[in-house]
């Protein structure tokens, strides 16, 4: 076989394009898997660091995580949950201040 054969060159180019498309499909699958797992991670963090302390009656422990997780969720696409967590943070601060405590932020 001659290395300069036009059919061989075409076959090589088609194989390279197929390889590139497979790589692109692999990268898209990784992104999709990441995007599918991310809400579960955020849900776990919300539960452990915000909801659970609030159920236990410890508003101070939930104050900082509610703000940080709210901001994080705004950036990664959970706009509605991020806004709700920031509103929850404001309410948590109100509870802490109303009960004579001092807010740890601001």
PDB file of N, CA and C in Angstrom:
ATOM      1  N   UNK A   1       0.834  -1.180   0.000  1.00  0.00           N
ATOM      2  CA  UNK A   1       0.000   0.000   0.000  1.00  0.00           C
ATOM      3  C   UNK A   1       0.872   1.234   0.000  1.00  0.00           C
ATOM      4  N   UNK A   2       0.457   2.157  -0.772  1.00  0.00           N
ATOM      5  CA  UNK A   2       1.198   3.400  -0.921  1.00  0.00           C
ATOM      6  C   UNK A   2       0.652   4.419   0.087  1.00  0.00           C
ATOM      7  N   UNK A   3       1.531   5.085   0.835  1.00  0.00           N
ATOM      8  CA  UNK A   3       1.132   6.079   1.817  1.00  0.00           C
ATOM      9  C   UNK A   3       0.565   7.331   1.193  1.00  0.00           C
ATOM     10  N   UNK A   4       0.771   7.547  -0.102  1.00  0.00           N
ATOM     11  CA  UNK A   4       0.264   8.740  -0.776  1.00  0.00           C
ATOM     12  C   UNK A   4      -1.037   8.484  -1.525  1.00  0.00           C
ATOM     13  N   UNK A   5      -1.624   7.341  -1.345  1.00  0.00           N
ATOM     14  CA  UNK A   5      -2.869   6.996  -2.030  1.00  0.00           C
ATOM     15  C   UNK A   5      -3.987   7.929  -1.554  1.00  0.00           C
ATOM     16  N   UNK A   6      -4.711   8.589  -2.482  1.00  0.00           N
ATOM     17  CA  UNK A   6      -5.773   9.523  -2.089  1.00  0.00           C
ATOM     18  C   UNK A   6      -6.898   8.851  -1.296  1.00  0.00           C
ATOM     19  N   UNK A   7      -7.221   7.602  -1.629  1.00  0.00           N
ATOM     20  CA  UNK A   7      -8.269   6.906  -0.888  1.00  0.00           C
ATOM     21  C   UNK A   7      -7.839   6.635   0.553  1.00  0.00           C
ATOM     22  N   UNK A   8      -6.567   6.314   0.722  1.00  0.00           N
ATOM     23  CA  UNK A   8      -6.038   6.094   2.066  1.00  0.00           C
ATOM     24  C   UNK A   8      -6.067   7.387   2.873  1.00  0.00           C
ATOM     25  N   UNK A   9      -5.723   8.497   2.236  1.00  0.00           N
ATOM     26  CA  UNK A   9      -5.770   9.799   2.899  1.00  0.00           C
ATOM     27  C   UNK A   9      -7.193  10.165   3.309  1.00  0.00           C
ATOM     28  N   UNK A  10      -8.156   9.881   2.429  1.00  0.00           N
ATOM     29  CA  UNK A  10      -9.563  10.159   2.741  1.00  0.00           C
ATOM     30  C   UNK A  10     -10.034   9.292   3.903  1.00  0.00           C
ATOM     31  N   UNK A  11      -9.675   8.016   3.880  1.00  0.00           N
ATOM     32  CA  UNK A  11     -10.060   7.102   4.955  1.00  0.00           C
ATOM     33  C   UNK A  11      -9.444   7.553   6.284  1.00  0.00           C
ATOM     34  N   UNK A  12      -8.188   8.003   6.240  1.00  0.00           N
ATOM     35  CA  UNK A  12      -7.508   8.488   7.446  1.00  0.00           C
ATOM     36  C   UNK A  12      -8.222   9.719   7.998  1.00  0.00           C
ATOM     37  N   UNK A  13      -8.616  10.645   7.109  1.00  0.00           N
ATOM     38  CA  UNK A  13      -9.311  11.860   7.528  1.00  0.00           C
ATOM     39  C   UNK A  13     -10.677  11.519   8.124  1.00  0.00           C
ATOM     40  N   UNK A  14     -11.413  10.578   7.503  1.00  0.00           N
ATOM     41  CA  UNK A  14     -12.711  10.170   8.028  1.00  0.00           C
ATOM     42  C   UNK A  14     -12.581   9.496   9.393  1.00  0.00           C
ATOM     43  N   UNK A  15     -11.536   8.681   9.550  1.00  0.00           N
ATOM     44  CA  UNK A  15     -11.296   8.039  10.843  1.00  0.00           C
ATOM     45  C   UNK A  15     -10.969   9.086  11.908  1.00  0.00           C
ATOM     46  N   UNK A  16     -10.214  10.114  11.541  1.00  0.00           N
ATOM     47  CA  UNK A  16      -9.883  11.190  12.478  1.00  0.00           C
ATOM     48  C   UNK A  16     -11.130  11.973  12.870  1.00  0.00           C
ATOM     49  N   UNK A  17     -12.013  12.229  11.912  1.00  0.00           N
ATOM     50  CA  UNK A  17     -13.271  12.930  12.204  1.00  0.00           C
ATOM     51  C   UNK A  17     -14.135  12.081  13.127  1.00  0.00           C
ATOM     52  N   UNK A  18     -14.211  10.770  12.873  1.00  0.00           N
ATOM     53  CA  UNK A  18     -14.987   9.880  13.740  1.00  0.00           C
ATOM     54  C   UNK A  18     -14.401   9.859  15.156  1.00  0.00           C
ATOM     55  N   UNK A  19     -13.084   9.850  15.250  1.00  0.00           N
ATOM     56  CA  UNK A  19     -12.412   9.884  16.550  1.00  0.00           C
ATOM     57  C   UNK A  19     -12.745  11.174  17.289  1.00  0.00           C
ATOM     58  N   UNK A  20     -12.716  12.293  16.599  1.00  0.00           N
ATOM     59  CA  UNK A  20     -13.038  13.582  17.197  1.00  0.00           C
ATOM     60  C   UNK A  20     -14.487  13.620  17.668  1.00  0.00           C
ATOM     61  N   UNK A  21     -15.408  13.102  16.847  1.00  0.00           N
ATOM     62  CA  UNK A  21     -16.823  13.077  17.232  1.00  0.00           C
ATOM     63  C   UNK A  21     -17.061  12.188  18.452  1.00  0.00           C
ATOM     64  N   UNK A  22     -16.347  11.066  18.524  1.00  0.00           N
ATOM     65  CA  UNK A  22     -16.453  10.209  19.701  1.00  0.00           C
ATOM     66  C   UNK A  22     -15.921  10.907  20.946  1.00  0.00           C
ATOM     67  N   UNK A  23     -14.841  11.636  20.804  1.00  0.00           N
ATOM     68  CA  UNK A  23     -14.294  12.397  21.920  1.00  0.00           C
ATOM     69  C   UNK A  23     -15.284  13.464  22.375  1.00  0.00           C
ATOM     70  N   UNK A  24     -15.895  14.142  21.420  1.00  0.00           N
ATOM     71  CA  UNK A  24     -16.891  15.154  21.728  1.00  0.00           C
ATOM     72  C   UNK A  24     -18.086  14.532  22.451  1.00  0.00           C
ATOM     73  N   UNK A  25     -18.542  13.384  21.985  1.00  0.00           N
ATOM     74  CA  UNK A  25     -19.645  12.673  22.647  1.00  0.00           C
ATOM     75  C   UNK A  25     -19.282  12.266  24.064  1.00  0.00           C
ATOM     76  N   UNK A  26     -18.043  11.820  24.264  1.00  0.00           N
ATOM     77  CA  UNK A  26     -17.566  11.445  25.594  1.00  0.00           C
ATOM     78  C   UNK A  26     -17.575  12.653  26.526  1.00  0.00           C
ATOM     79  N   UNK A  27     -17.074  13.790  26.049  1.00  0.00           N
ATOM     80  CA  UNK A  27     -17.043  14.996  26.871  1.00  0.00           C
ATOM     81  C   UNK A  27     -18.454  15.476  27.214  1.00  0.00           C
ATOM     82  N   UNK A  28     -19.363  15.397  26.256  1.00  0.00           N
ATOM     83  CA  UNK A  28     -20.754  15.774  26.524  1.00  0.00           C
ATOM     84  C   UNK A  28     -21.393  14.838  27.544  1.00  0.00           C
ATOM     85  N   UNK A  29     -21.063  13.558  27.479  1.00  0.00           N
ATOM     86  CA  UNK A  29     -21.588  12.602  28.453  1.00  0.00           C
ATOM     87  C   UNK A  29     -21.062  12.919  29.853  1.00  0.00           C
ATOM     88  N   UNK A  30     -19.788  13.282  29.951  1.00  0.00           N
ATOM     89  CA  UNK A  30     -19.230  13.651  31.254  1.00  0.00           C
ATOM     90  C   UNK A  30     -19.920  14.892  31.817  1.00  0.00           C
ATOM     91  N   UNK A  31     -20.156  15.869  30.964  1.00  0.00           N
ATOM     92  CA  UNK A  31     -20.843  17.087  31.405  1.00  0.00           C
ATOM     93  C   UNK A  31     -22.263  16.751  31.847  1.00  0.00           C
ATOM     94  N   UNK A  32     -22.939  15.901  31.106  1.00  0.00           N
ATOM     95  CA  UNK A  32     -24.306  15.510  31.445  1.00  0.00           C
ATOM     96  C   UNK A  32     -24.344  14.783  32.780  1.00  0.00           C
ATOM     97  N   UNK A  33     -23.402  13.878  32.996  1.00  0.00           N
ATOM     98  CA  UNK A  33     -23.346  13.155  34.260  1.00  0.00           C
ATOM     99  C   UNK A  33     -23.087  14.136  35.398  1.00  0.00           C
ATOM    100  N   UNK A  34     -22.170  15.083  35.193  1.00  0.00           N
ATOM    101  CA  UNK A  34     -21.880  16.087  36.216  1.00  0.00           C
ATOM    102  C   UNK A  34     -23.123  16.910  36.511  1.00  0.00           C
ATOM    103  N   UNK A  35     -23.833  17.321  35.469  1.00  0.00           N
ATOM    104  CA  UNK A  35     -25.028  18.134  35.661  1.00  0.00           C
ATOM    105  C   UNK A  35     -26.144  17.346  36.324  1.00  0.00           C
ATOM    106  N   UNK A  36     -26.150  16.040  36.163  1.00  0.00           N
ATOM    107  CA  UNK A  36     -27.163  15.211  36.809  1.00  0.00           C
ATOM    108  C   UNK A  36     -26.828  14.983  38.279  1.00  0.00           C
ATOM    109  N   UNK A  37     -25.565  14.923  38.615  1.00  0.00           N
ATOM    110  CA  UNK A  37     -25.145  14.658  39.991  1.00  0.00           C
ATOM    111  C   UNK A  37     -25.152  15.934  40.827  1.00  0.00           C
ATOM    112  N   UNK A  38     -24.891  17.070  40.215  1.00  0.00           N
ATOM    113  CA  UNK A  38     -24.779  18.333  40.938  1.00  0.00           C
ATOM    114  C   UNK A  38     -26.013  18.670  41.780  1.00  0.00           C
ATOM    115  N   UNK A  39     -27.245  18.530  41.278  1.00  0.00           N
ATOM    116  CA  UNK A  39     -28.399  18.839  42.136  1.00  0.00           C
ATOM    117  C   UNK A  39     -28.491  17.951  43.376  1.00  0.00           C
ATOM    118  N   UNK A  40     -28.089  16.693  43.256  1.00  0.00           N
ATOM    119  CA  UNK A  40     -28.110  15.818  44.423  1.00  0.00           C
ATOM    120  C   UNK A  40     -27.086  16.261  45.460  1.00  0.00           C
ATOM    121  N   UNK A  41     -25.921  16.699  45.006  1.00  0.00           N
ATOM    122  CA  UNK A  41     -24.907  17.198  45.930  1.00  0.00           C
ATOM    123  C   UNK A  41     -25.410  18.454  46.640  1.00  0.00           C
ATOM    124  N   UNK A  42     -26.002  19.375  45.885  1.00  0.00           N
ATOM    125  CA  UNK A  42     -26.522  20.601  46.482  1.00  0.00           C
ATOM    126  C   UNK A  42     -27.676  20.302  47.432  1.00  0.00           C
ATOM    127  N   UNK A  43     -28.513  19.344  47.088  1.00  0.00           N
ATOM    128  CA  UNK A  43     -29.618  18.965  47.957  1.00  0.00           C
ATOM    129  C   UNK A  43     -29.083  18.404  49.279  1.00  0.00           C
ATOM    130  N   UNK A  44     -28.060  17.582  49.206  1.00  0.00           N
ATOM    131  CA  UNK A  44     -27.440  17.028  50.409  1.00  0.00           C
ATOM    132  C   UNK A  44     -26.853  18.138  51.275  1.00  0.00           C
ATOM    133  N   UNK A  45     -26.129  19.070  50.647  1.00  0.00           N
ATOM    134  CA  UNK A  45     -25.532  20.176  51.399  1.00  0.00           C
ATOM    135  C   UNK A  45     -26.604  21.060  52.034  1.00  0.00           C
ATOM    136  N   UNK A  46     -27.680  21.325  51.308  1.00  0.00           N
ATOM    137  CA  UNK A  46     -28.789  22.110  51.864  1.00  0.00           C
ATOM    138  C   UNK A  46     -29.366  21.426  53.088  1.00  0.00           C
ATOM    139  N   UNK A  47     -29.563  20.122  52.987  1.00  0.00           N
ATOM    140  CA  UNK A  47     -30.152  19.377  54.100  1.00  0.00           C
ATOM    141  C   UNK A  47     -29.237  19.388  55.324  1.00  0.00           C
ATOM    142  N   UNK A  48     -27.969  19.042  55.110  1.00  0.00           N
ATOM    143  CA  UNK A  48     -27.047  18.883  56.235  1.00  0.00           C
ATOM    144  C   UNK A  48     -26.708  20.214  56.896  1.00  0.00           C
ATOM    145  N   UNK A  49     -26.453  21.245  56.094  1.00  0.00           N
ATOM    146  CA  UNK A  49     -25.936  22.487  56.656  1.00  0.00           C
ATOM    147  C   UNK A  49     -26.984  23.565  56.904  1.00  0.00           C
ATOM    148  N   UNK A  50     -28.177  23.442  56.326  1.00  0.00           N
ATOM    149  CA  UNK A  50     -29.199  24.474  56.534  1.00  0.00           C
ATOM    150  C   UNK A  50     -30.443  23.879  57.195  1.00  0.00           C
ATOM    151  N   UNK A  51     -31.060  22.914  56.565  1.00  0.00           N
ATOM    152  CA  UNK A  51     -32.337  22.403  57.061  1.00  0.00           C
ATOM    153  C   UNK A  51     -32.199  21.711  58.416  1.00  0.00           C
ATOM    154  N   UNK A  52     -31.236  20.799  58.531  1.00  0.00           N
ATOM    155  CA  UNK A  52     -31.065  20.028  59.771  1.00  0.00           C
ATOM    156  C   UNK A  52     -30.797  20.942  60.965  1.00  0.00           C
ATOM    157  N   UNK A  53     -29.882  21.922  60.882  1.00  0.00           N
ATOM    158  CA  UNK A  53     -29.698  22.819  62.032  1.00  0.00           C
ATOM    159  C   UNK A  53     -30.968  23.618  62.366  1.00  0.00           C
ATOM    160  N   UNK A  54     -31.737  24.003  61.347  1.00  0.00           N
ATOM    161  CA  UNK A  54     -32.964  24.746  61.611  1.00  0.00           C
ATOM    162  C   UNK A  54     -33.996  23.864  62.301  1.00  0.00           C
ATOM    163  N   UNK A  55     -34.075  22.598  61.920  1.00  0.00           N
ATOM    164  CA  UNK A  55     -34.990  21.663  62.588  1.00  0.00           C
ATOM    165  C   UNK A  55     -34.571  21.469  64.036  1.00  0.00           C
ATOM    166  N   UNK A  56     -33.266  21.444  64.276  1.00  0.00           N
ATOM    167  CA  UNK A  56     -32.746  21.296  65.639  1.00  0.00           C
ATOM    168  C   UNK A  56     -32.862  22.583  66.445  1.00  0.00           C
ATOM    169  N   UNK A  57     -33.285  23.678  65.805  1.00  0.00           N
ATOM    170  CA  UNK A  57     -33.451  24.957  66.496  1.00  0.00           C
ATOM    171  C   UNK A  57     -32.184  25.781  66.599  1.00  0.00           C
ATOM    172  N   UNK A  58     -31.162  25.433  65.846  1.00  0.00           N
ATOM    173  CA  UNK A  58     -29.889  26.141  65.902  1.00  0.00           C
ATOM    174  C   UNK A  58     -29.742  27.055  64.685  1.00  0.00           C
ATOM    175  N   UNK A  59     -30.305  28.247  64.785  1.00  0.00           N
ATOM    176  CA  UNK A  59     -30.279  29.189  63.672  1.00  0.00           C
ATOM    177  C   UNK A  59     -28.869  29.692  63.389  1.00  0.00           C
ATOM    178  N   UNK A  60     -28.058  29.831  64.421  1.00  0.00           N
ATOM    179  CA  UNK A  60     -26.685  30.327  64.222  1.00  0.00           C
ATOM    180  C   UNK A  60     -25.872  29.406  63.314  1.00  0.00           C
ATOM    181  N   UNK A  61     -26.051  28.104  63.489  1.00  0.00           N
ATOM    182  CA  UNK A  61     -25.292  27.150  62.678  1.00  0.00           C
ATOM    183  C   UNK A  61     -25.756  27.137  61.228  1.00  0.00           C
ATOM    184  N   UNK A  62     -26.971  27.573  60.953  1.00  0.00           N
ATOM    185  CA  UNK A  62     -27.505  27.564  59.589  1.00  0.00           C
ATOM    186  C   UNK A  62     -27.313  28.894  58.876  1.00  0.00           C
ATOM    187  N   UNK A  63     -26.895  29.939  59.597  1.00  0.00           N
ATOM    188  CA  UNK A  63     -26.837  31.278  59.007  1.00  0.00           C
ATOM    189  C   UNK A  63     -25.835  31.386  57.857  1.00  0.00           C
ATOM    190  N   UNK A  64     -24.592  31.097  58.112  1.00  0.00           N
ATOM    191  CA  UNK A  64     -23.553  31.241  57.087  1.00  0.00           C
ATOM    192  C   UNK A  64     -23.743  30.257  55.931  1.00  0.00           C
ATOM    193  N   UNK A  65     -24.014  28.963  56.212  1.00  0.00           N
ATOM    194  CA  UNK A  65     -24.219  28.042  55.083  1.00  0.00           C
ATOM    195  C   UNK A  65     -25.388  28.427  54.180  1.00  0.00           C
ATOM    196  N   UNK A  66     -26.444  29.001  54.751  1.00  0.00           N
ATOM    197  CA  UNK A  66     -27.581  29.364  53.892  1.00  0.00           C
ATOM    198  C   UNK A  66     -27.186  30.456  52.905  1.00  0.00           C
ATOM    199  N   UNK A  67     -26.379  31.409  53.337  1.00  0.00           N
ATOM    200  CA  UNK A  67     -25.930  32.457  52.420  1.00  0.00           C
ATOM    201  C   UNK A  67     -24.959  31.902  51.382  1.00  0.00           C
ATOM    202  N   UNK A  68     -23.980  31.138  51.844  1.00  0.00           N
ATOM    203  CA  UNK A  68     -22.979  30.596  50.913  1.00  0.00           C
ATOM    204  C   UNK A  68     -23.595  29.636  49.899  1.00  0.00           C
ATOM    205  N   UNK A  69     -24.466  28.750  50.355  1.00  0.00           N
ATOM    206  CA  UNK A  69     -25.115  27.821  49.424  1.00  0.00           C
ATOM    207  C   UNK A  69     -26.068  28.551  48.490  1.00  0.00           C
ATOM    208  N   UNK A  70     -26.717  29.611  48.972  1.00  0.00           N
ATOM    209  CA  UNK A  70     -27.580  30.409  48.102  1.00  0.00           C
ATOM    210  C   UNK A  70     -26.801  31.055  46.979  1.00  0.00           C
ATOM    211  N   UNK A  71     -25.655  31.641  47.317  1.00  0.00           N
ATOM    212  CA  UNK A  71     -24.810  32.268  46.295  1.00  0.00           C
ATOM    213  C   UNK A  71     -24.263  31.215  45.339  1.00  0.00           C
ATOM    214  N   UNK A  72     -23.802  30.093  45.872  1.00  0.00           N
ATOM    215  CA  UNK A  72     -23.272  29.018  45.031  1.00  0.00           C
ATOM    216  C   UNK A  72     -24.330  28.524  44.051  1.00  0.00           C
ATOM    217  N   UNK A  73     -25.548  28.345  44.527  1.00  0.00           N
ATOM    218  CA  UNK A  73     -26.596  27.836  43.657  1.00  0.00           C
ATOM    219  C   UNK A  73     -27.004  28.857  42.602  1.00  0.00           C
ATOM    220  N   UNK A  74     -26.875  30.137  42.918  1.00  0.00           N
ATOM    221  CA  UNK A  74     -27.124  31.152  41.891  1.00  0.00           C
ATOM    222  C   UNK A  74     -26.148  31.002  40.730  1.00  0.00           C
ATOM    223  N   UNK A  75     -24.893  30.675  41.043  1.00  0.00           N
ATOM    224  CA  UNK A  75     -23.865  30.577  40.011  1.00  0.00           C
ATOM    225  C   UNK A  75     -23.915  29.283  39.219  1.00  0.00           C
ATOM    226  N   UNK A  76     -24.390  28.201  39.818  1.00  0.00           N
ATOM    227  CA  UNK A  76     -24.375  26.922  39.100  1.00  0.00           C
ATOM    228  C   UNK A  76     -25.719  26.578  38.479  1.00  0.00           C
ATOM    229  N   UNK A  77     -26.640  27.498  38.472  1.00  0.00           N
ATOM    230  CA  UNK A  77     -27.868  27.288  37.729  1.00  0.00           C
ATOM    231  C   UNK A  77     -29.109  27.059  38.560  1.00  0.00           C
ATOM    232  N   UNK A  78     -28.973  26.906  39.861  1.00  0.00           N
ATOM    233  CA  UNK A  78     -30.151  26.739  40.709  1.00  0.00           C
ATOM    234  C   UNK A  78     -30.651  28.098  41.158  1.00  0.00           C
ATOM    235  N   UNK A  79     -31.097  28.908  40.204  1.00  0.00           N
ATOM    236  CA  UNK A  79     -31.447  30.297  40.487  1.00  0.00           C
ATOM    237  C   UNK A  79     -32.563  30.385  41.519  1.00  0.00           C
ATOM    238  N   UNK A  80     -33.620  29.641  41.333  1.00  0.00           N
ATOM    239  CA  UNK A  80     -34.755  29.716  42.248  1.00  0.00           C
ATOM    240  C   UNK A  80     -34.360  29.254  43.651  1.00  0.00           C
ATOM    241  N   UNK A  81     -33.685  28.130  43.760  1.00  0.00           N
ATOM    242  CA  UNK A  81     -33.278  27.647  45.082  1.00  0.00           C
ATOM    243  C   UNK A  81     -32.245  28.581  45.702  1.00  0.00           C
ATOM    244  N   UNK A  82     -31.399  29.188  44.884  1.00  0.00           N
ATOM    245  CA  UNK A  82     -30.432  30.152  45.411  1.00  0.00           C
ATOM    246  C   UNK A  82     -31.117  31.372  45.995  1.00  0.00           C
ATOM    247  N   UNK A  83     -32.105  31.888  45.296  1.00  0.00           N
ATOM    248  CA  UNK A  83     -32.855  33.053  45.796  1.00  0.00           C
ATOM    249  C   UNK A  83     -33.596  32.694  47.078  1.00  0.00           C
ATOM    250  N   UNK A  84     -34.205  31.512  47.111  1.00  0.00           N
ATOM    251  CA  UNK A  84     -34.939  31.088  48.302  1.00  0.00           C
ATOM    252  C   UNK A  84     -34.001  30.939  49.493  1.00  0.00           C
ATOM    253  N   UNK A  85     -32.803  30.398  49.281  1.00  0.00           N
ATOM    254  CA  UNK A  85     -31.850  30.266  50.386  1.00  0.00           C
ATOM    255  C   UNK A  85     -31.369  31.630  50.886  1.00  0.00           C
ATOM    256  N   UNK A  86     -31.205  32.581  49.986  1.00  0.00           N
ATOM    257  CA  UNK A  86     -30.800  33.914  50.419  1.00  0.00           C
ATOM    258  C   UNK A  86     -31.931  34.578  51.217  1.00  0.00           C
ATOM    259  N   UNK A  87     -33.170  34.374  50.807  1.00  0.00           N
ATOM    260  CA  UNK A  87     -34.302  34.881  51.588  1.00  0.00           C
ATOM    261  C   UNK A  87     -34.347  34.186  52.952  1.00  0.00           C
ATOM    262  N   UNK A  88     -34.079  32.879  52.974  1.00  0.00           N
ATOM    263  CA  UNK A  88     -34.024  32.143  54.249  1.00  0.00           C
ATOM    264  C   UNK A  88     -32.926  32.709  55.135  1.00  0.00           C
ATOM    265  N   UNK A  89     -31.793  33.077  54.546  1.00  0.00           N
ATOM    266  CA  UNK A  89     -30.695  33.674  55.303  1.00  0.00           C
ATOM    267  C   UNK A  89     -31.148  34.968  55.980  1.00  0.00           C
ATOM    268  N   UNK A  90     -31.893  35.795  55.263  1.00  0.00           N
ATOM    269  CA  UNK A  90     -32.400  37.049  55.843  1.00  0.00           C
ATOM    270  C   UNK A  90     -33.304  36.728  57.030  1.00  0.00           C
ATOM    271  N   UNK A  91     -34.171  35.743  56.894  1.00  0.00           N
ATOM    272  CA  UNK A  91     -35.071  35.363  57.983  1.00  0.00           C
ATOM    273  C   UNK A  91     -34.301  34.780  59.165  1.00  0.00           C
ATOM    274  N   UNK A  92     -33.275  34.007  58.878  1.00  0.00           N
ATOM    275  CA  UNK A  92     -32.442  33.448  59.949  1.00  0.00           C
ATOM    276  C   UNK A  92     -31.766  34.576  60.722  1.00  0.00           C
ATOM    277  N   UNK A  93     -31.253  35.566  60.001  1.00  0.00           N
ATOM    278  CA  UNK A  93     -30.642  36.725  60.669  1.00  0.00           C
ATOM    279  C   UNK A  93     -31.655  37.454  61.537  1.00  0.00           C
ATOM    280  N   UNK A  94     -32.890  37.613  61.030  1.00  0.00           N
ATOM    281  CA  UNK A  94     -33.940  38.269  61.814  1.00  0.00           C
ATOM    282  C   UNK A  94     -34.200  37.525  63.117  1.00  0.00           C
ATOM    283  N   UNK A  95     -34.242  36.194  63.054  1.00  0.00           N
ATOM    284  CA  UNK A  95     -34.473  35.378  64.246  1.00  0.00           C
ATOM    285  C   UNK A  95     -33.330  35.555  65.235  1.00  0.00           C
ATOM    286  N   UNK A  96     -32.106  35.518  64.753  1.00  0.00           N
ATOM    287  CA  UNK A  96     -30.947  35.645  65.638  1.00  0.00           C
ATOM    288  C   UNK A  96     -30.939  37.014  66.313  1.00  0.00           C
ATOM    289  N   UNK A  97     -31.176  38.058  65.556  1.00  0.00           N
ATOM    290  CA  UNK A  97     -31.161  39.412  66.108  1.00  0.00           C
ATOM    291  C   UNK A  97     -32.339  39.609  67.065  1.00  0.00           C
ATOM    292  N   UNK A  98     -33.509  39.077  66.718  1.00  0.00           N
ATOM    293  CA  UNK A  98     -34.697  39.216  67.567  1.00  0.00           C
ATOM    294  C   UNK A  98     -34.501  38.535  68.917  1.00  0.00           C
ATOM    295  N   UNK A  99     -33.759  37.447  68.933  1.00  0.00           N
ATOM    296  CA  UNK A  99     -33.526  36.713  70.174  1.00  0.00           C
ATOM    297  C   UNK A  99     -32.326  37.236  70.948  1.00  0.00           C
ATOM    298  N   UNK A 100     -31.876  38.437  70.616  1.00  0.00           N
ATOM    299  CA  UNK A 100     -30.801  39.066  71.359  1.00  0.00           C
ATOM    300  C   UNK A 100     -29.413  38.626  70.963  1.00  0.00           C
ATOM    301  N   UNK A 101     -29.301  37.807  69.947  1.00  0.00           N
ATOM    302  CA  UNK A 101     -27.992  37.371  69.490  1.00  0.00           C
ATOM    303  C   UNK A 101     -27.435  38.343  68.481  1.00  0.00           C
ATOM    304  N   UNK A 102     -26.238  38.092  68.107  1.00  0.00           N
ATOM    305  CA  UNK A 102     -25.584  38.936  67.113  1.00  0.00           C
ATOM    306  C   UNK A 102     -25.318  38.111  65.874  1.00  0.00           C
ATOM    307  N   UNK A 103     -25.666  38.634  64.738  1.00  0.00           N
ATOM    308  CA  UNK A 103     -25.444  37.935  63.484  1.00  0.00           C
ATOM    309  C   UNK A 103     -23.956  37.807  63.218  1.00  0.00           C
ATOM    310  N   UNK A 104     -23.534  36.635  62.735  1.00  0.00           N
ATOM    311  CA  UNK A 104     -22.114  36.464  62.470  1.00  0.00           C
ATOM    312  C   UNK A 104     -21.674  37.072  61.156  1.00  0.00           C
ATOM    313  N   UNK A 105     -22.633  37.487  60.332  1.00  0.00           N
ATOM    314  CA  UNK A 105     -22.299  38.153  59.082  1.00  0.00           C
ATOM    315  C   UNK A 105     -22.886  39.550  59.141  1.00  0.00           C
ATOM    316  N   UNK A 106     -22.091  40.530  58.764  1.00  0.00           N
ATOM    317  CA  UNK A 106     -22.473  41.947  58.772  1.00  0.00           C
ATOM    318  C   UNK A 106     -22.714  42.420  60.165  1.00  0.00           C
TER     319      UNK A 106
END
